[in-house]
N, C-alpha and C. Protein backbone atom coordinates (compact mmCIF):
# COMPACT_ATOMS: atom_id res chain seq x y z
N UNK A 1 -4.10 -98.55 148.90
CA UNK A 1 -5.56 -98.70 148.92
C UNK A 1 -5.94 -99.80 149.91
N UNK A 2 -6.95 -99.55 150.72
CA UNK A 2 -7.38 -100.53 151.71
C UNK A 2 -7.96 -101.76 151.03
N UNK A 3 -7.71 -102.92 151.61
CA UNK A 3 -8.23 -104.17 151.07
C UNK A 3 -9.75 -104.20 151.20
N UNK A 4 -10.40 -104.62 150.13
CA UNK A 4 -11.85 -104.77 150.14
C UNK A 4 -12.18 -106.17 149.63
N UNK A 5 -12.89 -106.92 150.43
CA UNK A 5 -13.25 -108.28 150.06
C UNK A 5 -14.64 -108.31 149.42
N UNK A 6 -14.88 -109.26 148.52
CA UNK A 6 -16.24 -109.42 147.99
C UNK A 6 -17.21 -109.74 149.12
N UNK A 7 -18.47 -109.37 148.98
CA UNK A 7 -19.44 -109.64 150.06
C UNK A 7 -19.71 -111.12 150.29
N UNK A 8 -19.52 -111.96 149.25
CA UNK A 8 -19.66 -113.41 149.43
C UNK A 8 -18.29 -114.04 149.50
N UNK A 9 -18.04 -114.78 150.58
CA UNK A 9 -16.82 -115.54 150.76
C UNK A 9 -17.25 -117.01 150.77
N UNK A 10 -17.11 -117.65 149.64
CA UNK A 10 -17.56 -119.04 149.51
C UNK A 10 -16.50 -119.99 150.06
N UNK A 11 -16.91 -120.94 150.87
CA UNK A 11 -15.98 -121.92 151.43
C UNK A 11 -16.33 -123.30 150.89
N UNK A 12 -15.35 -123.89 150.23
CA UNK A 12 -15.49 -125.23 149.69
C UNK A 12 -14.86 -126.20 150.68
N UNK A 13 -15.70 -126.83 151.48
CA UNK A 13 -15.26 -127.82 152.45
C UNK A 13 -15.44 -129.19 151.80
N UNK A 14 -14.34 -129.91 151.60
CA UNK A 14 -14.42 -131.16 150.83
C UNK A 14 -15.31 -132.19 151.50
N UNK A 15 -15.27 -132.27 152.82
CA UNK A 15 -16.11 -133.25 153.52
C UNK A 15 -17.59 -132.90 153.39
N UNK A 16 -17.92 -131.62 153.54
CA UNK A 16 -19.31 -131.19 153.38
C UNK A 16 -19.77 -131.42 151.95
N UNK A 17 -18.91 -131.10 150.99
CA UNK A 17 -19.26 -131.28 149.58
C UNK A 17 -19.59 -132.73 149.28
N UNK A 18 -18.73 -133.63 149.71
CA UNK A 18 -18.95 -135.04 149.39
C UNK A 18 -20.17 -135.60 150.11
N UNK A 19 -20.44 -135.09 151.31
CA UNK A 19 -21.64 -135.52 152.03
C UNK A 19 -22.91 -135.12 151.28
N UNK A 20 -22.81 -134.07 150.49
CA UNK A 20 -23.96 -133.60 149.70
C UNK A 20 -23.90 -134.11 148.26
N UNK A 21 -22.96 -135.01 147.96
CA UNK A 21 -22.92 -135.61 146.62
C UNK A 21 -22.10 -134.84 145.60
N UNK A 22 -21.24 -133.93 146.07
CA UNK A 22 -20.43 -133.13 145.16
C UNK A 22 -18.95 -133.44 145.34
N UNK A 23 -18.25 -133.64 144.22
CA UNK A 23 -16.80 -133.68 144.24
C UNK A 23 -16.28 -132.24 144.26
N UNK A 24 -15.11 -131.99 144.85
CA UNK A 24 -14.65 -130.61 145.04
C UNK A 24 -14.45 -129.82 143.76
N UNK A 25 -13.89 -130.42 142.72
CA UNK A 25 -13.59 -129.64 141.50
C UNK A 25 -14.87 -129.20 140.79
N UNK A 26 -15.84 -130.10 140.54
CA UNK A 26 -17.10 -129.61 139.95
C UNK A 26 -17.80 -128.56 140.81
N UNK A 27 -17.70 -128.70 142.13
CA UNK A 27 -18.31 -127.69 143.00
C UNK A 27 -17.60 -126.35 142.84
N UNK A 28 -16.28 -126.37 142.78
CA UNK A 28 -15.55 -125.12 142.57
C UNK A 28 -15.97 -124.46 141.26
N UNK A 29 -16.11 -125.26 140.21
CA UNK A 29 -16.55 -124.71 138.92
C UNK A 29 -17.92 -124.05 139.06
N UNK A 30 -18.83 -124.73 139.76
CA UNK A 30 -20.19 -124.20 139.91
C UNK A 30 -20.19 -122.89 140.69
N UNK A 31 -19.44 -122.83 141.77
CA UNK A 31 -19.41 -121.61 142.59
C UNK A 31 -18.80 -120.45 141.82
N UNK A 32 -17.75 -120.71 141.08
CA UNK A 32 -17.13 -119.65 140.28
C UNK A 32 -18.08 -119.19 139.17
N UNK A 33 -18.75 -120.13 138.54
CA UNK A 33 -19.71 -119.78 137.49
C UNK A 33 -20.86 -118.95 138.05
N UNK A 34 -21.20 -119.20 139.33
CA UNK A 34 -22.27 -118.45 139.97
C UNK A 34 -21.87 -117.08 140.46
N UNK A 35 -20.59 -116.74 140.33
CA UNK A 35 -20.15 -115.39 140.67
C UNK A 35 -19.30 -115.28 141.90
N UNK A 36 -18.97 -116.40 142.57
CA UNK A 36 -18.08 -116.32 143.73
C UNK A 36 -16.70 -115.86 143.28
N UNK A 37 -16.19 -114.83 143.94
CA UNK A 37 -14.89 -114.28 143.55
C UNK A 37 -13.86 -114.37 144.69
N UNK A 38 -14.26 -115.00 145.77
CA UNK A 38 -13.35 -115.31 146.88
C UNK A 38 -13.76 -116.68 147.38
N UNK A 39 -12.84 -117.63 147.25
CA UNK A 39 -13.16 -119.03 147.50
C UNK A 39 -12.09 -119.64 148.39
N UNK A 40 -12.49 -120.17 149.53
CA UNK A 40 -11.56 -120.86 150.41
C UNK A 40 -11.71 -122.36 150.25
N UNK A 41 -10.56 -123.04 150.23
CA UNK A 41 -10.56 -124.50 150.15
C UNK A 41 -10.21 -125.05 151.52
N UNK A 42 -11.11 -125.84 152.06
CA UNK A 42 -10.90 -126.50 153.36
C UNK A 42 -10.97 -127.99 153.12
N UNK A 43 -9.86 -128.69 153.42
CA UNK A 43 -9.80 -130.13 153.12
C UNK A 43 -9.14 -130.87 154.27
N UNK A 44 -9.85 -130.99 155.37
CA UNK A 44 -9.32 -131.68 156.54
C UNK A 44 -9.15 -133.18 156.28
N UNK A 45 -9.86 -133.68 155.26
CA UNK A 45 -9.85 -135.12 154.99
C UNK A 45 -8.83 -135.53 153.94
N UNK A 46 -8.02 -134.61 153.43
CA UNK A 46 -7.06 -134.92 152.37
C UNK A 46 -5.63 -134.90 152.89
N UNK A 47 -4.84 -135.83 152.40
CA UNK A 47 -3.40 -135.78 152.66
C UNK A 47 -2.78 -134.65 151.84
N UNK A 48 -1.53 -134.33 152.15
CA UNK A 48 -0.90 -133.15 151.55
C UNK A 48 -0.86 -133.20 150.03
N UNK A 49 -0.52 -134.35 149.45
CA UNK A 49 -0.41 -134.43 147.99
C UNK A 49 -1.72 -134.16 147.29
N UNK A 50 -2.78 -134.90 147.62
CA UNK A 50 -4.08 -134.62 146.99
C UNK A 50 -4.61 -133.21 147.30
N UNK A 51 -4.31 -132.70 148.48
CA UNK A 51 -4.74 -131.35 148.83
C UNK A 51 -4.04 -130.34 147.91
N UNK A 52 -2.75 -130.51 147.68
CA UNK A 52 -2.03 -129.62 146.78
C UNK A 52 -2.59 -129.72 145.37
N UNK A 53 -2.86 -130.93 144.91
CA UNK A 53 -3.44 -131.09 143.56
C UNK A 53 -4.76 -130.33 143.46
N UNK A 54 -5.59 -130.45 144.48
CA UNK A 54 -6.88 -129.74 144.47
C UNK A 54 -6.66 -128.23 144.44
N UNK A 55 -5.74 -127.74 145.26
CA UNK A 55 -5.48 -126.30 145.29
C UNK A 55 -5.01 -125.79 143.94
N UNK A 56 -4.09 -126.51 143.33
CA UNK A 56 -3.58 -126.09 142.02
C UNK A 56 -4.68 -126.08 140.98
N UNK A 57 -5.55 -127.07 141.02
CA UNK A 57 -6.65 -127.14 140.05
C UNK A 57 -7.62 -125.98 140.24
N UNK A 58 -7.99 -125.69 141.49
CA UNK A 58 -8.96 -124.62 141.74
C UNK A 58 -8.35 -123.26 141.42
N UNK A 59 -7.07 -123.07 141.71
CA UNK A 59 -6.41 -121.81 141.34
C UNK A 59 -6.48 -121.60 139.83
N UNK A 60 -6.23 -122.65 139.06
CA UNK A 60 -6.32 -122.53 137.59
C UNK A 60 -7.75 -122.21 137.16
N UNK A 61 -8.72 -122.87 137.77
CA UNK A 61 -10.12 -122.60 137.43
C UNK A 61 -10.52 -121.17 137.74
N UNK A 62 -9.93 -120.62 138.80
CA UNK A 62 -10.31 -119.27 139.26
C UNK A 62 -9.73 -118.17 138.39
N UNK A 63 -8.62 -118.46 137.72
CA UNK A 63 -7.92 -117.40 136.98
C UNK A 63 -8.78 -116.70 135.93
N UNK A 64 -9.54 -117.41 135.09
CA UNK A 64 -10.36 -116.69 134.10
C UNK A 64 -11.44 -115.81 134.73
N UNK A 65 -11.82 -116.12 135.95
CA UNK A 65 -12.84 -115.35 136.67
C UNK A 65 -12.24 -114.21 137.50
N UNK A 66 -10.91 -114.12 137.50
CA UNK A 66 -10.20 -113.15 138.35
C UNK A 66 -10.65 -113.30 139.81
N UNK A 67 -10.80 -114.55 140.23
CA UNK A 67 -11.23 -114.85 141.59
C UNK A 67 -10.01 -115.19 142.45
N UNK A 68 -10.13 -114.91 143.74
CA UNK A 68 -9.07 -115.21 144.70
C UNK A 68 -9.35 -116.55 145.38
N UNK A 69 -8.31 -117.35 145.53
CA UNK A 69 -8.42 -118.63 146.21
C UNK A 69 -7.56 -118.58 147.47
N UNK A 70 -8.16 -118.95 148.59
CA UNK A 70 -7.47 -118.99 149.88
C UNK A 70 -7.48 -120.44 150.36
N UNK A 71 -6.37 -120.87 150.92
CA UNK A 71 -6.24 -122.24 151.41
C UNK A 71 -6.35 -122.24 152.93
N UNK A 72 -7.20 -123.09 153.46
CA UNK A 72 -7.36 -123.18 154.91
C UNK A 72 -6.18 -123.91 155.53
N UNK A 73 -5.61 -123.31 156.56
CA UNK A 73 -4.56 -123.91 157.40
C UNK A 73 -3.17 -123.97 156.76
N UNK A 74 -3.08 -124.39 155.49
CA UNK A 74 -1.81 -124.81 154.93
C UNK A 74 -1.15 -123.69 154.12
N UNK A 75 -0.34 -122.89 154.81
CA UNK A 75 0.38 -121.81 154.14
C UNK A 75 1.36 -122.36 153.11
N UNK A 76 1.95 -123.52 153.39
CA UNK A 76 2.90 -124.11 152.44
C UNK A 76 2.21 -124.48 151.13
N UNK A 77 1.04 -125.08 151.22
CA UNK A 77 0.31 -125.46 150.01
C UNK A 77 -0.21 -124.23 149.27
N UNK A 78 -0.62 -123.22 150.02
CA UNK A 78 -1.08 -121.98 149.39
C UNK A 78 0.02 -121.39 148.52
N UNK A 79 1.23 -121.36 149.04
CA UNK A 79 2.34 -120.80 148.27
C UNK A 79 2.68 -121.68 147.07
N UNK A 80 2.75 -122.99 147.27
CA UNK A 80 3.09 -123.90 146.17
C UNK A 80 2.05 -123.84 145.04
N UNK A 81 0.79 -123.67 145.41
CA UNK A 81 -0.29 -123.66 144.42
C UNK A 81 -0.48 -122.31 143.76
N UNK A 82 0.19 -121.27 144.26
CA UNK A 82 -0.01 -119.94 143.72
C UNK A 82 -1.33 -119.33 144.11
N UNK A 83 -1.85 -119.74 145.27
CA UNK A 83 -3.12 -119.20 145.76
C UNK A 83 -2.95 -117.77 146.23
N UNK A 84 -4.07 -117.09 146.42
CA UNK A 84 -4.02 -115.69 146.86
C UNK A 84 -3.60 -115.58 148.32
N UNK A 85 -3.76 -116.68 149.08
CA UNK A 85 -3.37 -116.59 150.47
C UNK A 85 -3.80 -117.79 151.28
N UNK A 86 -3.77 -117.62 152.60
CA UNK A 86 -4.04 -118.69 153.54
C UNK A 86 -4.94 -118.15 154.65
N UNK A 87 -5.73 -119.05 155.23
CA UNK A 87 -6.54 -118.69 156.39
C UNK A 87 -6.13 -119.57 157.55
N UNK A 88 -5.85 -118.96 158.70
CA UNK A 88 -5.41 -119.72 159.87
C UNK A 88 -6.36 -119.47 161.04
N UNK A 89 -6.43 -120.49 161.90
CA UNK A 89 -7.23 -120.40 163.12
C UNK A 89 -6.36 -120.10 164.32
N UNK A 90 -6.97 -120.04 165.47
CA UNK A 90 -6.25 -119.71 166.70
C UNK A 90 -5.24 -120.78 167.07
N UNK A 91 -5.45 -122.02 166.63
CA UNK A 91 -4.55 -123.11 166.98
C UNK A 91 -3.65 -123.53 165.83
N UNK A 92 -3.66 -122.76 164.74
CA UNK A 92 -2.82 -123.07 163.58
C UNK A 92 -1.52 -122.27 163.66
N UNK A 93 -0.81 -122.18 162.55
CA UNK A 93 0.38 -121.34 162.51
C UNK A 93 0.06 -119.93 162.95
N UNK A 94 0.92 -119.28 163.72
CA UNK A 94 0.72 -117.86 164.01
C UNK A 94 0.71 -117.04 162.72
N UNK A 95 0.02 -115.92 162.76
CA UNK A 95 -0.08 -115.07 161.58
C UNK A 95 1.30 -114.71 161.03
N UNK A 96 2.23 -114.35 161.92
CA UNK A 96 3.55 -113.94 161.46
C UNK A 96 4.27 -115.06 160.72
N UNK A 97 4.13 -116.30 161.20
CA UNK A 97 4.77 -117.43 160.53
C UNK A 97 4.11 -117.71 159.18
N UNK A 98 2.77 -117.64 159.15
CA UNK A 98 2.08 -117.83 157.88
C UNK A 98 2.48 -116.75 156.88
N UNK A 99 2.62 -115.54 157.36
CA UNK A 99 3.02 -114.43 156.49
C UNK A 99 4.41 -114.67 155.90
N UNK A 100 5.33 -115.20 156.69
CA UNK A 100 6.67 -115.49 156.18
C UNK A 100 6.63 -116.50 155.05
N UNK A 101 5.70 -117.45 155.14
CA UNK A 101 5.60 -118.48 154.11
C UNK A 101 4.95 -117.96 152.83
N UNK A 102 3.88 -117.21 152.94
CA UNK A 102 3.13 -116.82 151.75
C UNK A 102 3.59 -115.50 151.15
N UNK A 103 4.33 -114.71 151.92
CA UNK A 103 4.88 -113.47 151.37
C UNK A 103 4.09 -112.24 151.78
N UNK A 104 4.68 -111.08 151.56
CA UNK A 104 4.10 -109.83 152.07
C UNK A 104 2.82 -109.39 151.37
N UNK A 105 2.58 -109.88 150.17
CA UNK A 105 1.43 -109.38 149.40
C UNK A 105 0.25 -110.35 149.40
N UNK A 106 0.41 -111.52 150.01
CA UNK A 106 -0.66 -112.51 150.03
C UNK A 106 -1.68 -112.19 151.11
N UNK A 107 -2.86 -112.77 150.98
CA UNK A 107 -3.88 -112.67 152.02
C UNK A 107 -3.53 -113.62 153.16
N UNK A 108 -3.65 -113.15 154.38
CA UNK A 108 -3.57 -114.01 155.55
C UNK A 108 -4.78 -113.69 156.41
N UNK A 109 -5.73 -114.62 156.45
CA UNK A 109 -6.92 -114.43 157.26
C UNK A 109 -6.76 -115.09 158.60
N UNK A 110 -7.42 -114.55 159.61
CA UNK A 110 -7.33 -115.06 160.98
C UNK A 110 -8.72 -115.22 161.58
N UNK A 111 -9.00 -116.41 162.11
CA UNK A 111 -10.26 -116.64 162.81
C UNK A 111 -10.21 -116.05 164.21
N UNK A 112 -11.28 -115.40 164.62
CA UNK A 112 -11.40 -114.85 165.97
C UNK A 112 -12.77 -115.20 166.54
N UNK A 113 -12.81 -115.32 167.88
CA UNK A 113 -14.04 -115.79 168.52
C UNK A 113 -14.48 -114.93 169.70
N UNK A 114 -13.67 -113.93 170.06
CA UNK A 114 -14.06 -113.05 171.17
C UNK A 114 -13.33 -111.71 171.00
N UNK A 115 -13.63 -110.77 171.87
CA UNK A 115 -13.07 -109.43 171.73
C UNK A 115 -11.56 -109.41 171.91
N UNK A 116 -11.03 -110.25 172.80
CA UNK A 116 -9.58 -110.28 173.00
C UNK A 116 -8.87 -110.77 171.74
N UNK A 117 -9.43 -111.77 171.09
CA UNK A 117 -8.82 -112.27 169.86
C UNK A 117 -8.94 -111.26 168.73
N UNK A 118 -10.04 -110.53 168.68
CA UNK A 118 -10.17 -109.45 167.69
C UNK A 118 -9.09 -108.40 167.91
N UNK A 119 -8.87 -108.03 169.17
CA UNK A 119 -7.85 -107.02 169.48
C UNK A 119 -6.46 -107.51 169.08
N UNK A 120 -6.16 -108.78 169.36
CA UNK A 120 -4.86 -109.32 168.97
C UNK A 120 -4.74 -109.39 167.45
N UNK A 121 -5.82 -109.76 166.79
CA UNK A 121 -5.80 -109.81 165.32
C UNK A 121 -5.62 -108.45 164.70
N UNK A 122 -6.18 -107.44 165.34
CA UNK A 122 -6.03 -106.07 164.82
C UNK A 122 -4.57 -105.65 164.84
N UNK A 123 -3.81 -106.13 165.83
CA UNK A 123 -2.40 -105.78 165.95
C UNK A 123 -1.50 -106.65 165.06
N UNK A 124 -1.99 -107.83 164.68
CA UNK A 124 -1.19 -108.77 163.91
C UNK A 124 -1.16 -108.36 162.44
N UNK A 125 -0.27 -109.02 161.69
CA UNK A 125 -0.13 -108.74 160.26
C UNK A 125 -1.11 -109.59 159.46
N UNK A 126 -2.36 -109.61 159.92
CA UNK A 126 -3.42 -110.32 159.20
C UNK A 126 -4.05 -109.38 158.19
N UNK A 127 -4.50 -109.95 157.08
CA UNK A 127 -5.16 -109.15 156.04
C UNK A 127 -6.61 -108.88 156.38
N UNK A 128 -7.27 -109.88 156.99
CA UNK A 128 -8.66 -109.74 157.38
C UNK A 128 -8.92 -110.60 158.61
N UNK A 129 -10.00 -110.30 159.31
CA UNK A 129 -10.40 -111.04 160.50
C UNK A 129 -11.72 -111.76 160.22
N UNK A 130 -11.75 -113.03 160.54
CA UNK A 130 -13.00 -113.78 160.47
C UNK A 130 -13.57 -113.89 161.88
N UNK A 131 -14.86 -113.73 162.01
CA UNK A 131 -15.54 -113.75 163.31
C UNK A 131 -16.59 -114.84 163.29
N UNK A 132 -16.60 -115.67 164.33
CA UNK A 132 -17.62 -116.70 164.37
C UNK A 132 -17.42 -117.69 165.50
N UNK A 133 -18.32 -118.65 165.59
CA UNK A 133 -19.50 -118.80 164.74
C UNK A 133 -20.56 -117.75 165.08
N UNK A 134 -21.05 -117.07 164.06
CA UNK A 134 -22.01 -116.00 164.29
C UNK A 134 -23.36 -116.58 164.72
N UNK A 135 -23.78 -117.63 164.04
CA UNK A 135 -25.02 -118.32 164.38
C UNK A 135 -24.69 -119.79 164.68
N UNK A 136 -25.63 -120.50 165.23
CA UNK A 136 -25.42 -121.93 165.47
C UNK A 136 -25.19 -122.63 164.13
N UNK A 137 -24.22 -123.55 164.12
CA UNK A 137 -23.89 -124.24 162.89
C UNK A 137 -23.59 -125.69 163.16
N UNK A 138 -23.98 -126.53 162.20
CA UNK A 138 -23.67 -127.96 162.30
C UNK A 138 -22.53 -128.35 161.38
N UNK A 139 -21.99 -127.38 160.62
CA UNK A 139 -20.96 -127.70 159.64
C UNK A 139 -19.66 -128.10 160.31
N UNK A 140 -19.29 -127.39 161.37
CA UNK A 140 -18.00 -127.63 162.01
C UNK A 140 -18.20 -127.62 163.52
N UNK A 141 -17.79 -128.70 164.17
CA UNK A 141 -17.95 -128.80 165.63
C UNK A 141 -16.78 -128.08 166.30
N UNK A 142 -16.98 -126.79 166.57
CA UNK A 142 -15.91 -125.99 167.16
C UNK A 142 -15.92 -126.03 168.67
N UNK A 143 -17.06 -126.44 169.26
CA UNK A 143 -17.19 -126.36 170.70
C UNK A 143 -17.43 -124.94 171.19
N UNK A 144 -17.63 -124.01 170.25
CA UNK A 144 -17.82 -122.61 170.60
C UNK A 144 -19.29 -122.23 170.51
N UNK A 145 -19.72 -121.33 171.38
CA UNK A 145 -21.08 -120.83 171.31
C UNK A 145 -21.18 -119.74 170.26
N UNK A 146 -22.37 -119.59 169.68
CA UNK A 146 -22.58 -118.56 168.69
C UNK A 146 -22.34 -117.18 169.30
N UNK A 147 -21.62 -116.34 168.57
CA UNK A 147 -21.24 -115.02 169.10
C UNK A 147 -22.21 -113.92 168.66
N UNK A 148 -23.03 -114.18 167.65
CA UNK A 148 -23.99 -113.19 167.20
C UNK A 148 -23.37 -112.06 166.42
N UNK A 149 -24.22 -111.20 165.91
CA UNK A 149 -23.75 -110.07 165.10
C UNK A 149 -23.07 -108.99 165.93
N UNK A 150 -23.25 -109.03 167.25
CA UNK A 150 -22.60 -108.03 168.09
C UNK A 150 -21.08 -108.08 167.98
N UNK A 151 -20.52 -109.28 167.95
CA UNK A 151 -19.06 -109.39 167.82
C UNK A 151 -18.62 -109.00 166.42
N UNK A 152 -19.46 -109.26 165.43
CA UNK A 152 -19.13 -108.81 164.07
C UNK A 152 -19.02 -107.29 164.03
N UNK A 153 -20.00 -106.61 164.60
CA UNK A 153 -19.96 -105.15 164.62
C UNK A 153 -18.76 -104.65 165.43
N UNK A 154 -18.44 -105.34 166.52
CA UNK A 154 -17.27 -104.96 167.32
C UNK A 154 -16.00 -105.08 166.50
N UNK A 155 -15.86 -106.16 165.74
CA UNK A 155 -14.67 -106.35 164.92
C UNK A 155 -14.57 -105.30 163.82
N UNK A 156 -15.70 -104.93 163.23
CA UNK A 156 -15.70 -103.88 162.21
C UNK A 156 -15.22 -102.56 162.82
N UNK A 157 -15.66 -102.28 164.05
CA UNK A 157 -15.32 -101.02 164.70
C UNK A 157 -13.92 -101.02 165.30
N UNK A 158 -13.44 -102.19 165.75
CA UNK A 158 -12.19 -102.24 166.52
C UNK A 158 -11.14 -103.16 165.92
N UNK A 159 -11.31 -103.53 164.67
CA UNK A 159 -10.38 -104.46 164.03
C UNK A 159 -9.23 -103.79 163.31
N UNK A 160 -8.96 -102.56 163.63
CA UNK A 160 -7.83 -101.89 163.01
C UNK A 160 -8.03 -101.57 161.54
N UNK A 161 -9.28 -101.48 161.12
CA UNK A 161 -9.56 -101.16 159.73
C UNK A 161 -9.48 -102.35 158.79
N UNK A 162 -9.22 -103.55 159.34
CA UNK A 162 -9.14 -104.74 158.49
C UNK A 162 -10.54 -105.18 158.08
N UNK A 163 -10.68 -105.73 156.89
CA UNK A 163 -11.98 -106.30 156.51
C UNK A 163 -12.38 -107.41 157.47
N UNK A 164 -13.67 -107.57 157.66
CA UNK A 164 -14.21 -108.58 158.56
C UNK A 164 -15.07 -109.56 157.77
N UNK A 165 -14.90 -110.83 158.09
CA UNK A 165 -15.70 -111.90 157.48
C UNK A 165 -16.46 -112.59 158.59
N UNK A 166 -17.77 -112.71 158.43
CA UNK A 166 -18.59 -113.42 159.40
C UNK A 166 -18.82 -114.84 158.92
N UNK A 167 -18.68 -115.80 159.83
CA UNK A 167 -18.83 -117.20 159.45
C UNK A 167 -19.61 -117.95 160.51
N UNK A 168 -20.35 -118.97 160.07
CA UNK A 168 -21.05 -119.84 161.01
C UNK A 168 -22.55 -119.71 160.92
N UNK A 169 -23.20 -120.70 160.33
CA UNK A 169 -24.65 -120.72 160.29
C UNK A 169 -25.29 -119.69 159.39
N UNK A 170 -24.53 -119.16 158.44
CA UNK A 170 -25.08 -118.10 157.57
C UNK A 170 -25.88 -118.72 156.44
N UNK A 171 -27.10 -118.23 156.29
CA UNK A 171 -28.00 -118.64 155.22
C UNK A 171 -28.34 -117.42 154.38
N UNK A 172 -29.03 -117.67 153.29
CA UNK A 172 -29.43 -116.55 152.43
C UNK A 172 -30.29 -115.56 153.20
N UNK A 173 -31.12 -116.06 154.09
CA UNK A 173 -32.00 -115.18 154.86
C UNK A 173 -31.23 -114.33 155.87
N UNK A 174 -30.09 -114.83 156.35
CA UNK A 174 -29.30 -114.12 157.35
C UNK A 174 -28.18 -113.28 156.75
N UNK A 175 -27.79 -113.58 155.52
CA UNK A 175 -26.60 -112.96 154.93
C UNK A 175 -26.73 -111.46 154.79
N UNK A 176 -27.93 -110.98 154.50
CA UNK A 176 -28.12 -109.54 154.33
C UNK A 176 -27.77 -108.79 155.60
N UNK A 177 -28.15 -109.34 156.76
CA UNK A 177 -27.84 -108.69 158.03
C UNK A 177 -26.34 -108.66 158.28
N UNK A 178 -25.64 -109.70 157.84
CA UNK A 178 -24.18 -109.76 158.00
C UNK A 178 -23.51 -108.65 157.20
N UNK A 179 -23.90 -108.51 155.95
CA UNK A 179 -23.29 -107.48 155.10
C UNK A 179 -23.70 -106.09 155.57
N UNK A 180 -24.93 -105.94 156.04
CA UNK A 180 -25.36 -104.65 156.59
C UNK A 180 -24.56 -104.29 157.84
N UNK A 181 -24.05 -105.30 158.56
CA UNK A 181 -23.22 -105.05 159.74
C UNK A 181 -21.79 -104.67 159.37
N UNK A 182 -21.46 -104.75 158.09
CA UNK A 182 -20.15 -104.32 157.63
C UNK A 182 -19.18 -105.43 157.29
N UNK A 183 -19.66 -106.70 157.26
CA UNK A 183 -18.79 -107.84 157.02
C UNK A 183 -19.15 -108.55 155.72
N UNK A 184 -18.19 -109.32 155.21
CA UNK A 184 -18.48 -110.28 154.15
C UNK A 184 -19.10 -111.51 154.79
N UNK A 185 -19.87 -112.26 154.01
CA UNK A 185 -20.56 -113.45 154.51
C UNK A 185 -19.86 -114.70 154.02
N UNK A 186 -19.27 -115.47 154.94
CA UNK A 186 -18.65 -116.75 154.59
C UNK A 186 -19.72 -117.83 154.68
N UNK A 187 -19.92 -118.54 153.58
CA UNK A 187 -21.00 -119.52 153.50
C UNK A 187 -20.44 -120.86 153.08
N UNK A 188 -20.88 -121.90 153.75
CA UNK A 188 -20.42 -123.26 153.44
C UNK A 188 -21.62 -124.10 152.98
N UNK A 189 -22.36 -124.64 153.94
CA UNK A 189 -23.39 -125.63 153.60
C UNK A 189 -24.58 -125.03 152.87
N UNK A 190 -24.92 -123.77 153.13
CA UNK A 190 -26.11 -123.21 152.49
C UNK A 190 -25.91 -123.02 150.98
N UNK A 191 -24.67 -123.00 150.52
CA UNK A 191 -24.44 -122.95 149.07
C UNK A 191 -24.85 -124.25 148.39
N UNK A 192 -25.01 -125.30 149.20
CA UNK A 192 -25.41 -126.60 148.67
C UNK A 192 -26.87 -126.93 149.00
N UNK A 193 -27.56 -126.00 149.63
CA UNK A 193 -28.88 -126.30 150.19
C UNK A 193 -29.92 -126.65 149.14
N UNK A 194 -29.81 -126.08 147.95
CA UNK A 194 -30.83 -126.30 146.92
C UNK A 194 -30.45 -127.38 145.93
N UNK A 195 -29.22 -127.89 146.01
CA UNK A 195 -28.75 -128.86 145.03
C UNK A 195 -28.20 -128.22 143.77
N UNK A 196 -28.25 -126.90 143.68
CA UNK A 196 -27.74 -126.16 142.52
C UNK A 196 -26.83 -125.04 143.03
N UNK A 197 -25.57 -125.37 143.36
CA UNK A 197 -24.70 -124.36 143.97
C UNK A 197 -24.39 -123.18 143.05
N UNK A 198 -24.41 -123.39 141.74
CA UNK A 198 -24.18 -122.25 140.84
C UNK A 198 -25.30 -121.23 140.99
N UNK A 199 -26.52 -121.69 140.95
CA UNK A 199 -27.66 -120.77 141.10
C UNK A 199 -27.70 -120.18 142.50
N UNK A 200 -27.35 -120.98 143.50
CA UNK A 200 -27.37 -120.48 144.87
C UNK A 200 -26.32 -119.40 145.07
N UNK A 201 -25.12 -119.62 144.54
CA UNK A 201 -24.07 -118.60 144.63
C UNK A 201 -24.53 -117.32 143.94
N UNK A 202 -25.20 -117.47 142.81
CA UNK A 202 -25.67 -116.28 142.07
C UNK A 202 -26.71 -115.52 142.91
N UNK A 203 -27.57 -116.24 143.61
CA UNK A 203 -28.54 -115.58 144.50
C UNK A 203 -27.82 -114.75 145.55
N UNK A 204 -26.82 -115.35 146.18
CA UNK A 204 -26.05 -114.63 147.19
C UNK A 204 -25.38 -113.39 146.61
N UNK A 205 -24.72 -113.56 145.48
CA UNK A 205 -23.98 -112.44 144.88
C UNK A 205 -24.91 -111.29 144.55
N UNK A 206 -26.04 -111.59 143.93
CA UNK A 206 -26.98 -110.52 143.54
C UNK A 206 -27.52 -109.80 144.77
N UNK A 207 -27.88 -110.56 145.79
CA UNK A 207 -28.42 -109.95 147.01
C UNK A 207 -27.37 -109.12 147.73
N UNK A 208 -26.19 -109.72 147.96
CA UNK A 208 -25.18 -109.08 148.79
C UNK A 208 -24.50 -107.91 148.10
N UNK A 209 -24.29 -108.01 146.81
CA UNK A 209 -23.69 -106.87 146.11
C UNK A 209 -24.64 -105.68 146.10
N UNK A 210 -25.94 -105.95 146.02
CA UNK A 210 -26.91 -104.84 146.05
C UNK A 210 -26.87 -104.15 147.41
N UNK A 211 -26.81 -104.92 148.47
CA UNK A 211 -26.75 -104.33 149.82
C UNK A 211 -25.43 -103.61 150.02
N UNK A 212 -24.33 -104.26 149.59
CA UNK A 212 -23.00 -103.68 149.77
C UNK A 212 -22.87 -102.36 149.04
N UNK A 213 -23.41 -102.29 147.81
CA UNK A 213 -23.26 -101.07 147.02
C UNK A 213 -24.19 -99.96 147.51
N UNK A 214 -25.21 -100.32 148.31
CA UNK A 214 -26.11 -99.31 148.83
C UNK A 214 -25.51 -98.53 149.99
N UNK A 215 -24.36 -99.08 150.49
CA UNK A 215 -23.70 -98.40 151.60
C UNK A 215 -24.28 -98.74 152.95
N UNK A 216 -25.12 -99.78 153.00
CA UNK A 216 -25.67 -100.20 154.29
C UNK A 216 -24.56 -100.69 155.18
N UNK A 217 -24.64 -100.36 156.44
CA UNK A 217 -23.57 -100.77 157.37
C UNK A 217 -23.84 -100.24 158.74
N UNK A 218 -22.87 -100.47 159.65
CA UNK A 218 -23.09 -100.07 161.03
C UNK A 218 -23.07 -98.57 161.18
């Protein structure tokens, strides 16, 4: 059966969370309670030990919700924590190396930023392709220009049948267009925009699942 990702891909960035007054574990609880069923942990500011502790805690929190947890960059920590998988960028471990660490059945996501990278990702042993930044974003200084929904649609059409995740500058107002283009919506800072991430996650889930189930797409 082909892999199908939830329409909301919540990203818990520890630096962004703390800048908004949230510790990572309470934020993970709130997002899961709000209906997030795919959660990535990004912790550029943590050393390996605390990062592993956080991953193990969030994996345990996710289990009653039957939610998947993906670890950004660190395939070793993903495996040690029993996470669903790892997400790597163009400058991180190659997909094949990450796959060797996490195993044949784990998720391995790959960030892509142009058509050539999408084509390479389609050939690689990646589980899904992330495309971005779709819109202008202040969350992560990538040095990359916004690629727009055109590259998202290209990845859906030419990504080898892999699920596509759109990331970068996605808000509740823009998320519907992302899902209508055939991708899941990866959201970071906008989940914290109202000060109530549980309610905000629930807003996303209700909106995006309705669009996803309607069959809207490219």
